Amino acid sequence: MIINKIYNKAVNLFLSIYYEKLKGINFSGTVYFKGIPVIFKHKDAKITIGKKTLINSSKRKYHINMHSPCKLLADRPQAEIIIGENCRIHGTCIHAVKRIEIGNNCLIAANTNIIDSNGHILAMNNPIDRLSIADEGRPIIIEDNVWIGSNVMILAGTIIREGAVIMAGSVVKGEVPAKSIYGTDAFKVIKQY
């Protein structure tokens, strides 16, 4: 037990120094790491993580199955990921090509994907263009005190207002009102071309 605590503190210290000093990630105080996340940023991108935030990539002692470690990816120039203070983020992918902003005191459960871009353009007139042309993306804003259940997909342009709860397994697009419970349970064709 004591050896595990010493090991965890050593890994946390190493990761904090590695990401802040060598990778140019901004911490506004102590950030806690459990397990080893995947963090990559373009040299002209920005990742900021608030104090007392936990980035959990460890399945050990987590209450549900976690498929992957946390991934923070800001892989285009000027992309920004901003995570507030006192958040708990578990096994989540946050991929920004524009901007993803997460407020303070947010809970994000495992296997969630927060992605501000489709990755490819729609290109209905010439679908082969999907292979070579990336879309521009639209910012995502998650305000303070939001709770996001497991296996959620948050799409480009989404705004989740203060205190909202997103049900596990939901696909979120658009604006979610403050202090509301949001969930999706219908699968249908949205538009036929």
C-alpha atoms as a PDB file:
ATOM      1  CA  MET A   1       0.000   0.000   0.000  1.00  0.00           C
ATOM      2  CA  ILE A   2       2.739   2.481   0.953  1.00  0.00           C
ATOM      3  CA  ILE A   3       4.799   1.436  -2.089  1.00  0.00           C
ATOM      4  CA  ASN A   4       1.783   2.096  -4.338  1.00  0.00           C
ATOM      5  CA  LYS A   5       1.314   5.583  -2.847  1.00  0.00           C
ATOM      6  CA  ILE A   6       4.998   6.419  -3.330  1.00  0.00           C
ATOM      7  CA  TYR A   7       4.899   5.075  -6.893  1.00  0.00           C
ATOM      8  CA  ASN A   8       1.733   7.056  -7.721  1.00  0.00           C
ATOM      9  CA  LYS A   9       3.206  10.281  -6.335  1.00  0.00           C
ATOM     10  CA  ALA A  10       6.429   9.757  -8.288  1.00  0.00           C
ATOM     11  CA  VAL A  11       4.539   9.082 -11.539  1.00  0.00           C
ATOM     12  CA  ASN A  12       2.307  12.113 -10.924  1.00  0.00           C
ATOM     13  CA  LEU A  13       5.333  14.353 -10.312  1.00  0.00           C
ATOM     14  CA  PHE A  14       7.126  13.050 -13.413  1.00  0.00           C
ATOM     15  CA  LEU A  15       4.051  13.515 -15.645  1.00  0.00           C
ATOM     16  CA  SER A  16       3.430  17.020 -14.305  1.00  0.00           C
ATOM     17  CA  ILE A  17       7.004  18.086 -15.019  1.00  0.00           C
ATOM     18  CA  TYR A  18       7.091  16.307 -18.390  1.00  0.00           C
ATOM     19  CA  TYR A  19       3.869  17.834 -19.714  1.00  0.00           C
ATOM     20  CA  GLU A  20       4.401  21.312 -18.305  1.00  0.00           C
ATOM     21  CA  LYS A  21       8.092  21.786 -19.058  1.00  0.00           C
ATOM     22  CA  LEU A  22       8.723  19.626 -22.112  1.00  0.00           C
ATOM     23  CA  LYS A  23       5.348  19.694 -23.842  1.00  0.00           C
ATOM     24  CA  GLY A  24       4.423  23.320 -23.079  1.00  0.00           C
ATOM     25  CA  ILE A  25       1.113  22.573 -21.381  1.00  0.00           C
ATOM     26  CA  ASN A  26      -0.069  25.208 -18.900  1.00  0.00           C
ATOM     27  CA  PHE A  27      -1.117  24.154 -15.398  1.00  0.00           C
ATOM     28  CA  SER A  28      -2.716  26.724 -13.077  1.00  0.00           C
ATOM     29  CA  GLY A  29      -1.704  24.782  -9.967  1.00  0.00           C
ATOM     30  CA  THR A  30      -1.371  21.114  -9.101  1.00  0.00           C
ATOM     31  CA  VAL A  31      -2.932  18.733 -11.625  1.00  0.00           C
ATOM     32  CA  TYR A  32      -3.358  15.073 -10.659  1.00  0.00           C
ATOM     33  CA  PHE A  33      -2.673  12.183 -13.013  1.00  0.00           C
ATOM     34  CA  LYS A  34      -3.705   8.557 -12.491  1.00  0.00           C
ATOM     35  CA  GLY A  35      -2.170   6.379 -15.149  1.00  0.00           C
ATOM     36  CA  ILE A  36      -0.525   7.769 -18.257  1.00  0.00           C
ATOM     37  CA  PRO A  37      -2.654   9.854 -20.646  1.00  0.00           C
ATOM     38  CA  VAL A  38      -1.977  10.509 -24.320  1.00  0.00           C
ATOM     39  CA  ILE A  39      -1.364  14.237 -24.727  1.00  0.00           C
ATOM     40  CA  PHE A  40      -0.308  15.836 -27.997  1.00  0.00           C
ATOM     41  CA  LYS A  41      -0.392  19.430 -29.118  1.00  0.00           C
ATOM     42  CA  HIS A  42       0.766  21.286 -32.197  1.00  0.00           C
ATOM     43  CA  LYS A  43       3.558  23.731 -31.350  1.00  0.00           C
ATOM     44  CA  ASP A  44       1.147  26.631 -31.944  1.00  0.00           C
ATOM     45  CA  ALA A  45      -1.757  25.050 -30.046  1.00  0.00           C
ATOM     46  CA  LYS A  46      -2.592  25.602 -26.386  1.00  0.00           C
ATOM     47  CA  ILE A  47      -3.645  23.210 -23.616  1.00  0.00           C
ATOM     48  CA  THR A  48      -4.457  24.616 -20.167  1.00  0.00           C
ATOM     49  CA  ILE A  49      -5.521  22.529 -17.164  1.00  0.00           C
ATOM     50  CA  GLY A  50      -6.828  24.087 -13.939  1.00  0.00           C
ATOM     51  CA  LYS A  51      -5.667  23.338 -10.434  1.00  0.00           C
ATOM     52  CA  LYS A  52      -6.950  20.285  -8.559  1.00  0.00           C
ATOM     53  CA  THR A  53      -8.142  18.637 -11.783  1.00  0.00           C
ATOM     54  CA  LEU A  54      -7.765  14.867 -12.087  1.00  0.00           C
ATOM     55  CA  ILE A  55      -6.870  13.314 -15.436  1.00  0.00           C
ATOM     56  CA  ASN A  56      -7.585   9.617 -14.806  1.00  0.00           C
ATOM     57  CA  SER A  57      -6.277   7.053 -17.281  1.00  0.00           C
ATOM     58  CA  SER A  58      -6.254   4.133 -14.847  1.00  0.00           C
ATOM     59  CA  LYS A  59      -8.901   1.409 -14.851  1.00  0.00           C
ATOM     60  CA  ARG A  60      -7.873   0.392 -11.381  1.00  0.00           C
ATOM     61  CA  LYS A  61     -10.552   1.239  -8.815  1.00  0.00           C
ATOM     62  CA  TYR A  62     -12.705   2.988 -11.419  1.00  0.00           C
ATOM     63  CA  HIS A  63     -16.334   1.896 -11.095  1.00  0.00           C
ATOM     64  CA  ILE A  64     -16.982   0.955 -14.764  1.00  0.00           C
ATOM     65  CA  ASN A  65     -14.864  -0.457 -17.560  1.00  0.00           C
ATOM     66  CA  MET A  66     -12.607   2.165 -19.118  1.00  0.00           C
ATOM     67  CA  HIS A  67     -11.590   1.320 -22.680  1.00  0.00           C
ATOM     68  CA  SER A  68      -8.690   3.764 -23.143  1.00  0.00           C
ATOM     69  CA  PRO A  69      -6.581   6.301 -21.278  1.00  0.00           C
ATOM     70  CA  CYS A  70      -7.436   9.992 -21.440  1.00  0.00           C
ATOM     71  CA  LYS A  71      -6.416  11.629 -24.689  1.00  0.00           C
ATOM     72  CA  LEU A  72      -5.963  15.386 -25.080  1.00  0.00           C
ATOM     73  CA  LEU A  73      -5.279  16.262 -28.701  1.00  0.00           C
ATOM     74  CA  ALA A  74      -4.849  19.830 -30.006  1.00  0.00           C
ATOM     75  CA  ASP A  75      -3.248  19.010 -33.324  1.00  0.00           C
ATOM     76  CA  ARG A  76      -3.784  22.133 -35.442  1.00  0.00           C
ATOM     77  CA  PRO A  77      -2.254  25.598 -35.133  1.00  0.00           C
ATOM     78  CA  GLN A  78      -4.239  27.832 -32.761  1.00  0.00           C
ATOM     79  CA  ALA A  79      -6.292  24.881 -31.409  1.00  0.00           C
ATOM     80  CA  GLU A  80      -7.153  25.263 -27.720  1.00  0.00           C
ATOM     81  CA  ILE A  81      -8.190  22.913 -24.942  1.00  0.00           C
ATOM     82  CA  ILE A  82      -9.025  24.708 -21.713  1.00  0.00           C
ATOM     83  CA  ILE A  83     -10.024  22.631 -18.679  1.00  0.00           C
ATOM     84  CA  GLY A  84     -11.140  24.397 -15.519  1.00  0.00           C
ATOM     85  CA  GLU A  85     -10.359  23.758 -11.867  1.00  0.00           C
ATOM     86  CA  ASN A  86     -11.401  20.810  -9.720  1.00  0.00           C
ATOM     87  CA  CYS A  87     -12.614  18.619 -12.605  1.00  0.00           C
ATOM     88  CA  ARG A  88     -12.528  14.835 -12.733  1.00  0.00           C
ATOM     89  CA  ILE A  89     -11.959  13.478 -16.223  1.00  0.00           C
ATOM     90  CA  HIS A  90     -11.844   9.706 -16.710  1.00  0.00           C
ATOM     91  CA  GLY A  91     -10.782   7.837 -19.858  1.00  0.00           C
ATOM     92  CA  THR A  92     -12.021  10.615 -22.141  1.00  0.00           C
ATOM     93  CA  CYS A  93     -10.876  11.816 -25.568  1.00  0.00           C
ATOM     94  CA  ILE A  94     -10.820  15.608 -25.968  1.00  0.00           C
ATOM     95  CA  HIS A  95      -9.859  16.517 -29.537  1.00  0.00           C
ATOM     96  CA  ALA A  96      -9.785  20.189 -30.523  1.00  0.00           C
ATOM     97  CA  VAL A  97      -9.087  21.632 -33.932  1.00  0.00           C
ATOM     98  CA  LYS A  98     -10.637  24.984 -32.863  1.00  0.00           C
ATOM     99  CA  ARG A  99     -11.498  25.284 -29.159  1.00  0.00           C
ATOM    100  CA  ILE A 100     -12.905  23.097 -26.412  1.00  0.00           C
ATOM    101  CA  GLU A 101     -13.544  24.781 -23.100  1.00  0.00           C
ATOM    102  CA  ILE A 102     -14.564  22.869 -19.975  1.00  0.00           C
ATOM    103  CA  GLY A 103     -15.583  24.844 -16.881  1.00  0.00           C
ATOM    104  CA  ASN A 104     -14.862  24.247 -13.201  1.00  0.00           C
ATOM    105  CA  ASN A 105     -16.081  21.291 -11.101  1.00  0.00           C
ATOM    106  CA  CYS A 106     -17.052  19.112 -14.073  1.00  0.00           C
ATOM    107  CA  LEU A 107     -17.385  15.328 -13.889  1.00  0.00           C
ATOM    108  CA  ILE A 108     -16.704  13.449 -17.124  1.00  0.00           C
ATOM    109  CA  ALA A 109     -17.099   9.672 -17.062  1.00  0.00           C
ATOM    110  CA  ALA A 110     -15.125   7.107 -19.025  1.00  0.00           C
ATOM    111  CA  ASN A 111     -15.296   6.497 -22.764  1.00  0.00           C
ATOM    112  CA  THR A 112     -16.600   9.988 -23.529  1.00  0.00           C
ATOM    113  CA  ASN A 113     -15.541  11.719 -26.754  1.00  0.00           C
ATOM    114  CA  ILE A 114     -15.535  15.519 -26.988  1.00  0.00           C
ATOM    115  CA  ILE A 115     -14.636  16.435 -30.562  1.00  0.00           C
ATOM    116  CA  ASP A 116     -15.099  19.880 -32.129  1.00  0.00           C
ATOM    117  CA  SER A 117     -14.750  18.642 -35.701  1.00  0.00           C
ATOM    118  CA  ASN A 118     -16.067  15.891 -37.955  1.00  0.00           C
ATOM    119  CA  GLY A 119     -12.513  15.238 -39.091  1.00  0.00           C
ATOM    120  CA  HIS A 120     -13.563  15.333 -42.747  1.00  0.00           C
ATOM    121  CA  ILE A 121     -15.832  17.518 -44.865  1.00  0.00           C
ATOM    122  CA  LEU A 122     -19.275  16.217 -45.804  1.00  0.00           C
ATOM    123  CA  ALA A 123     -18.615  16.567 -49.570  1.00  0.00           C
ATOM    124  CA  MET A 124     -21.905  15.172 -50.861  1.00  0.00           C
ATOM    125  CA  ASN A 125     -21.152  16.528 -54.353  1.00  0.00           C
ATOM    126  CA  ASN A 126     -17.795  14.745 -54.474  1.00  0.00           C
ATOM    127  CA  PRO A 127     -17.517  12.207 -51.619  1.00  0.00           C
ATOM    128  CA  ILE A 128     -13.929  11.265 -52.499  1.00  0.00           C
ATOM    129  CA  ASP A 129     -12.915  14.694 -51.100  1.00  0.00           C
ATOM    130  CA  ARG A 130     -13.635  13.297 -47.625  1.00  0.00           C
ATOM    131  CA  LEU A 131     -10.322  11.447 -47.856  1.00  0.00           C
ATOM    132  CA  SER A 132      -8.206  14.561 -48.284  1.00  0.00           C
ATOM    133  CA  ILE A 133     -10.033  17.609 -46.924  1.00  0.00           C
ATOM    134  CA  ALA A 134     -10.486  18.215 -43.191  1.00  0.00           C
ATOM    135  CA  ASP A 135     -13.322  20.331 -41.867  1.00  0.00           C
ATOM    136  CA  GLU A 136     -12.781  23.535 -39.911  1.00  0.00           C
ATOM    137  CA  GLY A 137     -14.531  22.550 -36.709  1.00  0.00           C
ATOM    138  CA  ARG A 138     -16.735  24.597 -34.347  1.00  0.00           C
ATOM    139  CA  PRO A 139     -15.993  25.337 -30.678  1.00  0.00           C
ATOM    140  CA  ILE A 140     -17.492  23.348 -27.806  1.00  0.00           C
ATOM    141  CA  ILE A 141     -18.258  24.996 -24.472  1.00  0.00           C
ATOM    142  CA  ILE A 142     -19.049  23.021 -21.331  1.00  0.00           C
ATOM    143  CA  GLU A 143     -19.881  25.369 -18.466  1.00  0.00           C
ATOM    144  CA  ASP A 144     -19.283  24.884 -14.713  1.00  0.00           C
ATOM    145  CA  ASN A 145     -20.663  21.990 -12.635  1.00  0.00           C
ATOM    146  CA  VAL A 146     -21.642  19.791 -15.592  1.00  0.00           C
ATOM    147  CA  TRP A 147     -21.867  16.019 -15.119  1.00  0.00           C
ATOM    148  CA  ILE A 148     -21.334  13.908 -18.244  1.00  0.00           C
ATOM    149  CA  GLY A 149     -22.123  10.191 -18.014  1.00  0.00           C
ATOM    150  CA  SER A 150     -20.101   7.421 -19.623  1.00  0.00           C
ATOM    151  CA  ASN A 151     -19.955   6.670 -23.357  1.00  0.00           C
ATOM    152  CA  VAL A 152     -21.146  10.128 -24.409  1.00  0.00           C
ATOM    153  CA  MET A 153     -20.294  11.774 -27.756  1.00  0.00           C
ATOM    154  CA  ILE A 154     -20.236  15.583 -27.736  1.00  0.00           C
ATOM    155  CA  LEU A 155     -20.230  17.040 -31.241  1.00  0.00           C
ATOM    156  CA  ALA A 156     -18.920  20.287 -32.758  1.00  0.00           C
ATOM    157  CA  GLY A 157     -20.725  23.504 -31.899  1.00  0.00           C
ATOM    158  CA  THR A 158     -22.275  22.162 -28.694  1.00  0.00           C
ATOM    159  CA  ILE A 159     -22.834  24.343 -25.632  1.00  0.00           C
ATOM    160  CA  ILE A 160     -23.693  22.615 -22.350  1.00  0.00           C
ATOM    161  CA  ARG A 161     -24.913  25.165 -19.818  1.00  0.00           C
ATOM    162  CA  GLU A 162     -24.109  25.321 -16.092  1.00  0.00           C
ATOM    163  CA  GLY A 163     -25.171  22.397 -13.919  1.00  0.00           C
ATOM    164  CA  ALA A 164     -26.574  20.211 -16.713  1.00  0.00           C
ATOM    165  CA  VAL A 165     -26.415  16.417 -16.564  1.00  0.00           C
ATOM    166  CA  ILE A 166     -25.789  14.399 -19.730  1.00  0.00           C
ATOM    167  CA  MET A 167     -27.112  10.840 -19.542  1.00  0.00           C
ATOM    168  CA  ALA A 168     -24.769   7.938 -20.310  1.00  0.00           C
ATOM    169  CA  GLY A 169     -24.678   6.900 -23.962  1.00  0.00           C
ATOM    170  CA  SER A 170     -25.993  10.218 -25.292  1.00  0.00           C
ATOM    171  CA  VAL A 171     -24.994  12.003 -28.482  1.00  0.00           C
ATOM    172  CA  VAL A 172     -25.007  15.743 -27.769  1.00  0.00           C
ATOM    173  CA  LYS A 173     -25.370  18.437 -30.413  1.00  0.00           C
ATOM    174  CA  GLY A 174     -26.633  21.991 -30.032  1.00  0.00           C
ATOM    175  CA  GLU A 175     -27.386  23.797 -26.783  1.00  0.00           C
ATOM    176  CA  VAL A 176     -28.255  22.044 -23.528  1.00  0.00           C
ATOM    177  CA  PRO A 177     -30.060  24.323 -21.024  1.00  0.00           C
ATOM    178  CA  ALA A 178     -28.684  24.976 -17.544  1.00  0.00           C
ATOM    179  CA  LYS A 179     -29.624  22.540 -14.770  1.00  0.00           C
ATOM    180  CA  SER A 180     -31.335  20.153 -17.165  1.00  0.00           C
ATOM    181  CA  ILE A 181     -31.031  16.410 -17.751  1.00  0.00           C
ATOM    182  CA  TYR A 182     -30.251  15.628 -21.377  1.00  0.00           C
ATOM    183  CA  GLY A 183     -30.358  12.239 -23.049  1.00  0.00           C
ATOM    184  CA  THR A 184     -30.851  10.757 -26.463  1.00  0.00           C
ATOM    185  CA  ASP A 185     -32.665   7.509 -27.042  1.00  0.00           C
ATOM    186  CA  ALA A 186     -33.752   7.632 -30.704  1.00  0.00           C
ATOM    187  CA  PHE A 187     -31.714   6.580 -33.710  1.00  0.00           C
ATOM    188  CA  LYS A 188     -33.000   7.823 -37.040  1.00  0.00           C
ATOM    189  CA  VAL A 189     -31.915   9.175 -40.420  1.00  0.00           C
ATOM    190  CA  ILE A 190     -31.485  12.918 -39.916  1.00  0.00           C
ATOM    191  CA  LYS A 191     -31.431  13.951 -43.588  1.00  0.00           C
ATOM    192  CA  GLN A 192     -31.428  12.015 -46.832  1.00  0.00           C
ATOM    193  CA  TYR A 193     -29.412  13.412 -49.734  1.00  0.00           C
END
